[in-house]
Amino acid sequence: MTQFFIHYSLHFVFPLLIAFVFFRKNWKKVYLIMLLTMIVDLDHLLANPIYQEDRCSINFHPLHTYYAIAVYIIISFFRKPFNIIGIGLLLHMLTDFIDCLIQN
């Protein structure tokens, strides 16, 4: 239960901190865009079973692969709003990676 709480707290707290600290003028808009990047988790629907408690998402689901993460890094260097999307996706992957570390 603690891992679940940490995981989902980070999915909401990391983007909020980044939005507020680095995009203070438009932090609400930036935070919303970063929250919308959680749609990347739709790739979990392709897995069988869809949810497995001890499974690490990184390099298992198609949009969580190292190749996808490389694309997210590149996107983060584009102009707004694409850089915000890239940053949001990278924060999502970081949260999932931390989750993988906690599991093991």
PDB file of N, CA and C in Angstrom:
ATOM      1  N   MET A   1       0.821  -1.198   0.000  1.00  0.00           N
ATOM      2  CA  MET A   1       0.000   0.000   0.000  1.00  0.00           C
ATOM      3  C   MET A   1       0.864   1.260   0.000  1.00  0.00           C
ATOM      4  N   THR A   2       1.990   1.212   0.713  1.00  0.00           N
ATOM      5  CA  THR A   2       2.893   2.364   0.755  1.00  0.00           C
ATOM      6  C   THR A   2       3.454   2.655  -0.623  1.00  0.00           C
ATOM      7  N   GLN A   3       3.841   1.601  -1.340  1.00  0.00           N
ATOM      8  CA  GLN A   3       4.390   1.778  -2.682  1.00  0.00           C
ATOM      9  C   GLN A   3       3.354   2.406  -3.609  1.00  0.00           C
ATOM     10  N   PHE A   4       2.115   1.981  -3.509  1.00  0.00           N
ATOM     11  CA  PHE A   4       1.026   2.539  -4.306  1.00  0.00           C
ATOM     12  C   PHE A   4       0.893   4.037  -4.025  1.00  0.00           C
ATOM     13  N   PHE A   5       0.914   4.406  -2.751  1.00  0.00           N
ATOM     14  CA  PHE A   5       0.785   5.804  -2.346  1.00  0.00           C
ATOM     15  C   PHE A   5       1.953   6.632  -2.877  1.00  0.00           C
ATOM     16  N   ILE A   6       3.168   6.123  -2.725  1.00  0.00           N
ATOM     17  CA  ILE A   6       4.351   6.837  -3.209  1.00  0.00           C
ATOM     18  C   ILE A   6       4.288   7.015  -4.722  1.00  0.00           C
ATOM     19  N   HIS A   7       3.949   5.947  -5.422  1.00  0.00           N
ATOM     20  CA  HIS A   7       3.915   5.982  -6.884  1.00  0.00           C
ATOM     21  C   HIS A   7       2.955   7.048  -7.397  1.00  0.00           C
ATOM     22  N   TYR A   8       1.740   7.016  -6.936  1.00  0.00           N
ATOM     23  CA  TYR A   8       0.749   7.960  -7.456  1.00  0.00           C
ATOM     24  C   TYR A   8       0.933   9.362  -6.906  1.00  0.00           C
ATOM     25  N   SER A   9       1.517   9.485  -5.741  1.00  0.00           N
ATOM     26  CA  SER A   9       1.851  10.817  -5.230  1.00  0.00           C
ATOM     27  C   SER A   9       2.899  11.469  -6.119  1.00  0.00           C
ATOM     28  N   LEU A  10       3.906  10.696  -6.517  1.00  0.00           N
ATOM     29  CA  LEU A  10       4.953  11.233  -7.383  1.00  0.00           C
ATOM     30  C   LEU A  10       4.413  11.602  -8.761  1.00  0.00           C
ATOM     31  N   HIS A  11       3.453  10.850  -9.263  1.00  0.00           N
ATOM     32  CA  HIS A  11       2.861  11.174 -10.564  1.00  0.00           C
ATOM     33  C   HIS A  11       2.182  12.537 -10.536  1.00  0.00           C
ATOM     34  N   PHE A  12       1.735  12.965  -9.379  1.00  0.00           N
ATOM     35  CA  PHE A  12       1.070  14.262  -9.279  1.00  0.00           C
ATOM     36  C   PHE A  12       1.970  15.345  -8.693  1.00  0.00           C
ATOM     37  N   VAL A  13       2.906  14.971  -7.812  1.00  0.00           N
ATOM     38  CA  VAL A  13       3.749  15.961  -7.140  1.00  0.00           C
ATOM     39  C   VAL A  13       4.918  16.412  -8.015  1.00  0.00           C
ATOM     40  N   PHE A  14       5.614  15.485  -8.679  1.00  0.00           N
ATOM     41  CA  PHE A  14       6.742  15.862  -9.542  1.00  0.00           C
ATOM     42  C   PHE A  14       6.322  16.928 -10.565  1.00  0.00           C
ATOM     43  N   PRO A  15       5.275  16.665 -11.350  1.00  0.00           N
ATOM     44  CA  PRO A  15       4.875  17.680 -12.336  1.00  0.00           C
ATOM     45  C   PRO A  15       4.467  19.010 -11.703  1.00  0.00           C
ATOM     46  N   LEU A  16       3.815  18.949 -10.554  1.00  0.00           N
ATOM     47  CA  LEU A  16       3.407  20.186  -9.879  1.00  0.00           C
ATOM     48  C   LEU A  16       4.623  21.010  -9.473  1.00  0.00           C
ATOM     49  N   LEU A  17       5.632  20.361  -8.904  1.00  0.00           N
ATOM     50  CA  LEU A  17       6.846  21.080  -8.502  1.00  0.00           C
ATOM     51  C   LEU A  17       7.563  21.692  -9.694  1.00  0.00           C
ATOM     52  N   ILE A  18       7.713  20.916 -10.755  1.00  0.00           N
ATOM     53  CA  ILE A  18       8.393  21.427 -11.951  1.00  0.00           C
ATOM     54  C   ILE A  18       7.607  22.588 -12.547  1.00  0.00           C
ATOM     55  N   ALA A  19       6.306  22.440 -12.648  1.00  0.00           N
ATOM     56  CA  ALA A  19       5.463  23.503 -13.213  1.00  0.00           C
ATOM     57  C   ALA A  19       5.562  24.772 -12.378  1.00  0.00           C
ATOM     58  N   PHE A  20       5.495  24.626 -11.075  1.00  0.00           N
ATOM     59  CA  PHE A  20       5.495  25.799 -10.203  1.00  0.00           C
ATOM     60  C   PHE A  20       6.861  26.474 -10.141  1.00  0.00           C
ATOM     61  N   VAL A  21       7.920  25.695 -10.112  1.00  0.00           N
ATOM     62  CA  VAL A  21       9.265  26.265  -9.977  1.00  0.00           C
ATOM     63  C   VAL A  21       9.776  26.853 -11.293  1.00  0.00           C
ATOM     64  N   PHE A  22       9.599  26.137 -12.403  1.00  0.00           N
ATOM     65  CA  PHE A  22      10.202  26.561 -13.664  1.00  0.00           C
ATOM     66  C   PHE A  22       9.253  27.291 -14.619  1.00  0.00           C
ATOM     67  N   PHE A  23       7.960  27.178 -14.393  1.00  0.00           N
ATOM     68  CA  PHE A  23       6.978  27.817 -15.273  1.00  0.00           C
ATOM     69  C   PHE A  23       5.978  28.608 -14.421  1.00  0.00           C
ATOM     70  N   ARG A  24       6.488  29.355 -13.470  1.00  0.00           N
ATOM     71  CA  ARG A  24       5.653  30.015 -12.468  1.00  0.00           C
ATOM     72  C   ARG A  24       4.550  30.873 -13.086  1.00  0.00           C
ATOM     73  N   LYS A  25       4.837  31.542 -14.172  1.00  0.00           N
ATOM     74  CA  LYS A  25       3.853  32.439 -14.793  1.00  0.00           C
ATOM     75  C   LYS A  25       2.617  31.669 -15.284  1.00  0.00           C
ATOM     76  N   ASN A  26       2.837  30.497 -15.847  1.00  0.00           N
ATOM     77  CA  ASN A  26       1.752  29.674 -16.407  1.00  0.00           C
ATOM     78  C   ASN A  26       1.699  28.302 -15.754  1.00  0.00           C
ATOM     79  N   TRP A  27       1.979  28.208 -14.483  1.00  0.00           N
ATOM     80  CA  TRP A  27       2.149  26.917 -13.833  1.00  0.00           C
ATOM     81  C   TRP A  27       0.904  26.044 -13.915  1.00  0.00           C
ATOM     82  N   LYS A  28      -0.278  26.631 -13.871  1.00  0.00           N
ATOM     83  CA  LYS A  28      -1.507  25.831 -13.921  1.00  0.00           C
ATOM     84  C   LYS A  28      -1.664  25.149 -15.280  1.00  0.00           C
ATOM     85  N   LYS A  29      -1.411  25.898 -16.328  1.00  0.00           N
ATOM     86  CA  LYS A  29      -1.498  25.356 -17.695  1.00  0.00           C
ATOM     87  C   LYS A  29      -0.446  24.264 -17.908  1.00  0.00           C
ATOM     88  N   VAL A  30       0.775  24.542 -17.458  1.00  0.00           N
ATOM     89  CA  VAL A  30       1.875  23.581 -17.597  1.00  0.00           C
ATOM     90  C   VAL A  30       1.565  22.313 -16.806  1.00  0.00           C
ATOM     91  N   TYR A  31       1.060  22.481 -15.593  1.00  0.00           N
ATOM     92  CA  TYR A  31       0.718  21.325 -14.759  1.00  0.00           C
ATOM     93  C   TYR A  31      -0.357  20.476 -15.429  1.00  0.00           C
ATOM     94  N   LEU A  32      -1.352  21.123 -16.008  1.00  0.00           N
ATOM     95  CA  LEU A  32      -2.410  20.390 -16.709  1.00  0.00           C
ATOM     96  C   LEU A  32      -1.844  19.605 -17.890  1.00  0.00           C
ATOM     97  N   ILE A  33      -0.975  20.223 -18.663  1.00  0.00           N
ATOM     98  CA  ILE A  33      -0.350  19.528 -19.797  1.00  0.00           C
ATOM     99  C   ILE A  33       0.435  18.320 -19.303  1.00  0.00           C
ATOM    100  N   MET A  34       1.181  18.506 -18.209  1.00  0.00           N
ATOM    101  CA  MET A  34       1.971  17.394 -17.676  1.00  0.00           C
ATOM    102  C   MET A  34       1.080  16.276 -17.140  1.00  0.00           C
ATOM    103  N   LEU A  35      -0.035  16.631 -16.545  1.00  0.00           N
ATOM    104  CA  LEU A  35      -0.979  15.597 -16.091  1.00  0.00           C
ATOM    105  C   LEU A  35      -1.560  14.837 -17.279  1.00  0.00           C
ATOM    106  N   LEU A  36      -1.800  15.548 -18.362  1.00  0.00           N
ATOM    107  CA  LEU A  36      -2.342  14.891 -19.556  1.00  0.00           C
ATOM    108  C   LEU A  36      -1.360  13.890 -20.170  1.00  0.00           C
ATOM    109  N   THR A  37      -0.079  14.036 -19.865  1.00  0.00           N
ATOM    110  CA  THR A  37       0.889  13.072 -20.397  1.00  0.00           C
ATOM    111  C   THR A  37       0.717  11.694 -19.760  1.00  0.00           C
ATOM    112  N   MET A  38      -0.083  11.599 -18.721  1.00  0.00           N
ATOM    113  CA  MET A  38      -0.341  10.285 -18.117  1.00  0.00           C
ATOM    114  C   MET A  38      -1.135   9.376 -19.050  1.00  0.00           C
ATOM    115  N   ILE A  39      -1.623   9.950 -20.136  1.00  0.00           N
ATOM    116  CA  ILE A  39      -2.315   9.135 -21.132  1.00  0.00           C
ATOM    117  C   ILE A  39      -1.371   8.081 -21.710  1.00  0.00           C
ATOM    118  N   VAL A  40      -0.061   8.286 -21.523  1.00  0.00           N
ATOM    119  CA  VAL A  40       0.934   7.312 -21.974  1.00  0.00           C
ATOM    120  C   VAL A  40       0.689   5.952 -21.320  1.00  0.00           C
ATOM    121  N   ASP A  41       0.005   5.934 -20.198  1.00  0.00           N
ATOM    122  CA  ASP A  41      -0.273   4.671 -19.514  1.00  0.00           C
ATOM    123  C   ASP A  41      -1.331   3.825 -20.214  1.00  0.00           C
ATOM    124  N   LEU A  42      -1.912   4.336 -21.287  1.00  0.00           N
ATOM    125  CA  LEU A  42      -2.851   3.512 -22.045  1.00  0.00           C
ATOM    126  C   LEU A  42      -2.173   2.272 -22.616  1.00  0.00           C
ATOM    127  N   ASP A  43      -0.860   2.320 -22.771  1.00  0.00           N
ATOM    128  CA  ASP A  43      -0.160   1.141 -23.284  1.00  0.00           C
ATOM    129  C   ASP A  43      -0.213  -0.026 -22.303  1.00  0.00           C
ATOM    130  N   HIS A  44      -0.591   0.235 -21.067  1.00  0.00           N
ATOM    131  CA  HIS A  44      -0.756  -0.852 -20.095  1.00  0.00           C
ATOM    132  C   HIS A  44      -1.905  -1.775 -20.495  1.00  0.00           C
ATOM    133  N   LEU A  45      -2.836  -1.238 -21.279  1.00  0.00           N
ATOM    134  CA  LEU A  45      -3.979  -2.043 -21.730  1.00  0.00           C
ATOM    135  C   LEU A  45      -3.560  -3.149 -22.697  1.00  0.00           C
ATOM    136  N   LEU A  46      -2.371  -3.035 -23.254  1.00  0.00           N
ATOM    137  CA  LEU A  46      -1.871  -4.050 -24.189  1.00  0.00           C
ATOM    138  C   LEU A  46      -1.258  -5.247 -23.473  1.00  0.00           C
ATOM    139  N   ALA A  47      -1.021  -5.115 -22.178  1.00  0.00           N
ATOM    140  CA  ALA A  47      -0.370  -6.184 -21.416  1.00  0.00           C
ATOM    141  C   ALA A  47      -1.395  -7.205 -20.941  1.00  0.00           C
ATOM    142  N   ASN A  48      -0.908  -8.407 -20.736  1.00  0.00           N
ATOM    143  CA  ASN A  48      -1.764  -9.464 -20.204  1.00  0.00           C
ATOM    144  C   ASN A  48      -1.026 -10.137 -19.056  1.00  0.00           C
ATOM    145  N   PRO A  49      -1.437  -9.963 -17.833  1.00  0.00           N
ATOM    146  CA  PRO A  49      -2.591  -9.203 -17.371  1.00  0.00           C
ATOM    147  C   PRO A  49      -2.319  -7.698 -17.444  1.00  0.00           C
ATOM    148  N   ILE A  50      -3.376  -6.909 -17.468  1.00  0.00           N
ATOM    149  CA  ILE A  50      -3.239  -5.458 -17.579  1.00  0.00           C
ATOM    150  C   ILE A  50      -2.440  -4.911 -16.403  1.00  0.00           C
ATOM    151  N   TYR A  51      -2.735  -5.397 -15.209  1.00  0.00           N
ATOM    152  CA  TYR A  51      -2.014  -4.942 -14.018  1.00  0.00           C
ATOM    153  C   TYR A  51      -1.366  -6.133 -13.337  1.00  0.00           C
ATOM    154  N   GLN A  52      -0.101  -5.992 -13.055  1.00  0.00           N
ATOM    155  CA  GLN A  52       0.625  -7.002 -12.297  1.00  0.00           C
ATOM    156  C   GLN A  52       1.479  -6.248 -11.284  1.00  0.00           C
ATOM    157  N   GLU A  53       1.241  -6.500 -10.029  1.00  0.00           N
ATOM    158  CA  GLU A  53       1.825  -5.700  -8.953  1.00  0.00           C
ATOM    159  C   GLU A  53       3.343  -5.606  -9.000  1.00  0.00           C
ATOM    160  N   ASP A  54       4.011  -6.682  -9.288  1.00  0.00           N
ATOM    161  CA  ASP A  54       5.474  -6.690  -9.233  1.00  0.00           C
ATOM    162  C   ASP A  54       6.151  -6.429 -10.580  1.00  0.00           C
ATOM    163  N   ARG A  55       5.390  -6.019 -11.579  1.00  0.00           N
ATOM    164  CA  ARG A  55       5.967  -5.776 -12.912  1.00  0.00           C
ATOM    165  C   ARG A  55       6.504  -4.347 -13.007  1.00  0.00           C
ATOM    166  N   CYS A  56       7.678  -4.209 -13.554  1.00  0.00           N
ATOM    167  CA  CYS A  56       8.277  -2.903 -13.804  1.00  0.00           C
ATOM    168  C   CYS A  56       7.828  -2.424 -15.187  1.00  0.00           C
ATOM    169  N   SER A  57       7.253  -1.243 -15.245  1.00  0.00           N
ATOM    170  CA  SER A  57       6.742  -0.708 -16.507  1.00  0.00           C
ATOM    171  C   SER A  57       7.850  -0.355 -17.487  1.00  0.00           C
ATOM    172  N   ILE A  58       8.997   0.062 -16.956  1.00  0.00           N
ATOM    173  CA  ILE A  58      10.087   0.517 -17.815  1.00  0.00           C
ATOM    174  C   ILE A  58      10.609  -0.645 -18.651  1.00  0.00           C
ATOM    175  N   ASN A  59      10.607  -0.422 -19.951  1.00  0.00           N
ATOM    176  CA  ASN A  59      11.043  -1.377 -20.975  1.00  0.00           C
ATOM    177  C   ASN A  59      10.150  -2.615 -21.055  1.00  0.00           C
ATOM    178  N   PHE A  60       8.934  -2.490 -20.531  1.00  0.00           N
ATOM    179  CA  PHE A  60       7.962  -3.581 -20.694  1.00  0.00           C
ATOM    180  C   PHE A  60       6.830  -3.137 -21.612  1.00  0.00           C
ATOM    181  N   HIS A  61       6.237  -2.009 -21.326  1.00  0.00           N
ATOM    182  CA  HIS A  61       5.148  -1.475 -22.142  1.00  0.00           C
ATOM    183  C   HIS A  61       5.736  -0.662 -23.300  1.00  0.00           C
ATOM    184  N   PRO A  62       5.072  -0.657 -24.466  1.00  0.00           N
ATOM    185  CA  PRO A  62       5.638   0.001 -25.653  1.00  0.00           C
ATOM    186  C   PRO A  62       6.009   1.473 -25.469  1.00  0.00           C
ATOM    187  N   LEU A  63       5.195   2.243 -24.764  1.00  0.00           N
ATOM    188  CA  LEU A  63       5.493   3.660 -24.585  1.00  0.00           C
ATOM    189  C   LEU A  63       6.375   3.925 -23.364  1.00  0.00           C
ATOM    190  N   HIS A  64       6.866   2.852 -22.754  1.00  0.00           N
ATOM    191  CA  HIS A  64       7.762   2.955 -21.610  1.00  0.00           C
ATOM    192  C   HIS A  64       9.136   2.350 -21.927  1.00  0.00           C
ATOM    193  N   THR A  65       9.423   2.114 -23.202  1.00  0.00           N
ATOM    194  CA  THR A  65      10.698   1.516 -23.602  1.00  0.00           C
ATOM    195  C   THR A  65      11.804   2.569 -23.622  1.00  0.00           C
ATOM    196  N   TYR A  66      13.036   2.102 -23.674  1.00  0.00           N
ATOM    197  CA  TYR A  66      14.163   3.022 -23.747  1.00  0.00           C
ATOM    198  C   TYR A  66      14.125   3.837 -25.041  1.00  0.00           C
ATOM    199  N   TYR A  67      13.629   3.246 -26.119  1.00  0.00           N
ATOM    200  CA  TYR A  67      13.502   3.980 -27.381  1.00  0.00           C
ATOM    201  C   TYR A  67      12.495   5.118 -27.239  1.00  0.00           C
ATOM    202  N   ALA A  68      11.375   4.839 -26.601  1.00  0.00           N
ATOM    203  CA  ALA A  68      10.369   5.873 -26.378  1.00  0.00           C
ATOM    204  C   ALA A  68      10.932   6.973 -25.479  1.00  0.00           C
ATOM    205  N   ILE A  69      11.672   6.587 -24.458  1.00  0.00           N
ATOM    206  CA  ILE A  69      12.272   7.570 -23.548  1.00  0.00           C
ATOM    207  C   ILE A  69      13.256   8.463 -24.302  1.00  0.00           C
ATOM    208  N   ALA A  70      13.991   7.892 -25.250  1.00  0.00           N
ATOM    209  CA  ALA A  70      14.901   8.694 -26.078  1.00  0.00           C
ATOM    210  C   ALA A  70      14.115   9.738 -26.881  1.00  0.00           C
ATOM    211  N   VAL A  71      12.961   9.346 -27.407  1.00  0.00           N
ATOM    212  CA  VAL A  71      12.105  10.290 -28.134  1.00  0.00           C
ATOM    213  C   VAL A  71      11.610  11.383 -27.187  1.00  0.00           C
ATOM    214  N   TYR A  72      11.248  11.022 -25.967  1.00  0.00           N
ATOM    215  CA  TYR A  72      10.776  12.013 -24.988  1.00  0.00           C
ATOM    216  C   TYR A  72      11.874  13.010 -24.650  1.00  0.00           C
ATOM    217  N   ILE A  73      13.110  12.539 -24.602  1.00  0.00           N
ATOM    218  CA  ILE A  73      14.240  13.449 -24.351  1.00  0.00           C
ATOM    219  C   ILE A  73      14.370  14.448 -25.492  1.00  0.00           C
ATOM    220  N   ILE A  74      14.273  13.956 -26.719  1.00  0.00           N
ATOM    221  CA  ILE A  74      14.372  14.834 -27.892  1.00  0.00           C
ATOM    222  C   ILE A  74      13.227  15.842 -27.894  1.00  0.00           C
ATOM    223  N   ILE A  75      12.010  15.382 -27.617  1.00  0.00           N
ATOM    224  CA  ILE A  75      10.842  16.273 -27.594  1.00  0.00           C
ATOM    225  C   ILE A  75      11.015  17.385 -26.561  1.00  0.00           C
ATOM    226  N   SER A  76      11.676  17.090 -25.469  1.00  0.00           N
ATOM    227  CA  SER A  76      11.824  18.095 -24.411  1.00  0.00           C
ATOM    228  C   SER A  76      12.682  19.283 -24.842  1.00  0.00           C
ATOM    229  N   PHE A  77      13.380  19.172 -25.974  1.00  0.00           N
ATOM    230  CA  PHE A  77      14.175  20.282 -26.491  1.00  0.00           C
ATOM    231  C   PHE A  77      13.431  21.095 -27.554  1.00  0.00           C
ATOM    232  N   PHE A  78      12.218  20.689 -27.916  1.00  0.00           N
ATOM    233  CA  PHE A  78      11.419  21.436 -28.884  1.00  0.00           C
ATOM    234  C   PHE A  78      10.836  22.678 -28.213  1.00  0.00           C
ATOM    235  N   ARG A  79      10.155  23.484 -28.996  1.00  0.00           N
ATOM    236  CA  ARG A  79       9.478  24.673 -28.468  1.00  0.00           C
ATOM    237  C   ARG A  79       8.209  24.285 -27.732  1.00  0.00           C
ATOM    238  N   LYS A  80       7.718  25.239 -26.937  1.00  0.00           N
ATOM    239  CA  LYS A  80       6.470  25.028 -26.200  1.00  0.00           C
ATOM    240  C   LYS A  80       5.346  24.776 -27.191  1.00  0.00           C
ATOM    241  N   PRO A  81       4.403  23.946 -26.906  1.00  0.00           N
ATOM    242  CA  PRO A  81       4.177  23.170 -25.692  1.00  0.00           C
ATOM    243  C   PRO A  81       4.844  21.797 -25.735  1.00  0.00           C
ATOM    244  N   PHE A  82       5.554  21.490 -26.841  1.00  0.00           N
ATOM    245  CA  PHE A  82       6.139  20.159 -26.979  1.00  0.00           C
ATOM    246  C   PHE A  82       7.186  19.878 -25.907  1.00  0.00           C
ATOM    247  N   ASN A  83       7.950  20.898 -25.523  1.00  0.00           N
ATOM    248  CA  ASN A  83       8.951  20.666 -24.479  1.00  0.00           C
ATOM    249  C   ASN A  83       8.277  20.312 -23.154  1.00  0.00           C
ATOM    250  N   ILE A  84       7.135  20.908 -22.886  1.00  0.00           N
ATOM    251  CA  ILE A  84       6.400  20.601 -21.658  1.00  0.00           C
ATOM    252  C   ILE A  84       5.881  19.170 -21.703  1.00  0.00           C
ATOM    253  N   ILE A  85       5.415  18.747 -22.860  1.00  0.00           N
ATOM    254  CA  ILE A  85       4.964  17.366 -23.029  1.00  0.00           C
ATOM    255  C   ILE A  85       6.129  16.405 -22.811  1.00  0.00           C
ATOM    256  N   GLY A  86       7.274  16.717 -23.415  1.00  0.00           N
ATOM    257  CA  GLY A  86       8.462  15.878 -23.237  1.00  0.00           C
ATOM    258  C   GLY A  86       8.895  15.800 -21.784  1.00  0.00           C
ATOM    259  N   ILE A  87       8.897  16.929 -21.107  1.00  0.00           N
ATOM    260  CA  ILE A  87       9.271  16.946 -19.689  1.00  0.00           C
ATOM    261  C   ILE A  87       8.280  16.136 -18.865  1.00  0.00           C
ATOM    262  N   GLY A  88       6.991  16.298 -19.160  1.00  0.00           N
ATOM    263  CA  GLY A  88       5.968  15.531 -18.446  1.00  0.00           C
ATOM    264  C   GLY A  88       6.147  14.034 -18.645  1.00  0.00           C
ATOM    265  N   LEU A  89       6.449  13.633 -19.866  1.00  0.00           N
ATOM    266  CA  LEU A  89       6.670  12.209 -20.145  1.00  0.00           C
ATOM    267  C   LEU A  89       7.916  11.691 -19.436  1.00  0.00           C
ATOM    268  N   LEU A  90       8.960  12.495 -19.403  1.00  0.00           N
ATOM    269  CA  LEU A  90      10.181  12.083 -18.707  1.00  0.00           C
ATOM    270  C   LEU A  90       9.956  11.979 -17.198  1.00  0.00           C
ATOM    271  N   LEU A  91       9.188  12.900 -16.641  1.00  0.00           N
ATOM    272  CA  LEU A  91       8.861  12.809 -15.213  1.00  0.00           C
ATOM    273  C   LEU A  91       8.039  11.555 -14.927  1.00  0.00           C
ATOM    274  N   HIS A  92       7.162  11.220 -15.844  1.00  0.00           N
ATOM    275  CA  HIS A  92       6.359  10.003 -15.704  1.00  0.00           C
ATOM    276  C   HIS A  92       7.264   8.768 -15.708  1.00  0.00           C
ATOM    277  N   MET A  93       8.209   8.745 -16.632  1.00  0.00           N
ATOM    278  CA  MET A  93       9.132   7.606 -16.707  1.00  0.00           C
ATOM    279  C   MET A  93      10.017   7.541 -15.464  1.00  0.00           C
ATOM    280  N   LEU A  94      10.436   8.704 -14.956  1.00  0.00           N
ATOM    281  CA  LEU A  94      11.237   8.732 -13.734  1.00  0.00           C
ATOM    282  C   LEU A  94      10.445   8.163 -12.558  1.00  0.00           C
ATOM    283  N   THR A  95       9.190   8.535 -12.459  1.00  0.00           N
ATOM    284  CA  THR A  95       8.335   8.012 -11.398  1.00  0.00           C
ATOM    285  C   THR A  95       8.196   6.498 -11.523  1.00  0.00           C
ATOM    286  N   ASP A  96       7.983   6.011 -12.736  1.00  0.00           N
ATOM    287  CA  ASP A  96       7.864   4.566 -12.932  1.00  0.00           C
ATOM    288  C   ASP A  96       9.181   3.856 -12.634  1.00  0.00           C
ATOM    289  N   PHE A  97      10.298   4.502 -12.965  1.00  0.00           N
ATOM    290  CA  PHE A  97      11.605   3.916 -12.668  1.00  0.00           C
ATOM    291  C   PHE A  97      11.831   3.829 -11.159  1.00  0.00           C
ATOM    292  N   ILE A  98      11.465   4.880 -10.433  1.00  0.00           N
ATOM    293  CA  ILE A  98      11.574   4.861  -8.969  1.00  0.00           C
ATOM    294  C   ILE A  98      10.722   3.734  -8.414  1.00  0.00           C
ATOM    295  N   ASP A  99       9.558   3.558  -8.991  1.00  0.00           N
ATOM    296  CA  ASP A  99       8.675   2.471  -8.574  1.00  0.00           C
ATOM    297  C   ASP A  99       9.347   1.117  -8.785  1.00  0.00           C
ATOM    298  N   CYS A 100      10.061   0.977  -9.887  1.00  0.00           N
ATOM    299  CA  CYS A 100      10.780  -0.279 -10.155  1.00  0.00           C
ATOM    300  C   CYS A 100      11.870  -0.512  -9.111  1.00  0.00           C
ATOM    301  N   LEU A 101      12.534   0.537  -8.688  1.00  0.00           N
ATOM    302  CA  LEU A 101      13.576   0.407  -7.666  1.00  0.00           C
ATOM    303  C   LEU A 101      12.999  -0.002  -6.325  1.00  0.00           C
ATOM    304  N   ILE A 102      11.837   0.519  -6.000  1.00  0.00           N
ATOM    305  CA  ILE A 102      11.188   0.200  -4.723  1.00  0.00           C
ATOM    306  C   ILE A 102      10.757  -1.259  -4.716  1.00  0.00           C
ATOM    307  N   GLN A 103      10.326  -1.772  -5.863  1.00  0.00           N
ATOM    308  CA  GLN A 103       9.847  -3.144  -5.950  1.00  0.00           C
ATOM    309  C   GLN A 103      10.949  -4.147  -5.680  1.00  0.00           C
ATOM    310  N   ASN A 104      12.150  -3.833  -6.102  1.00  0.00           N
ATOM    311  CA  ASN A 104      13.247  -4.815  -6.016  1.00  0.00           C
ATOM    312  C   ASN A 104      14.038  -4.704  -4.766  1.00  0.00           C
TER     313      ASN A 104
END
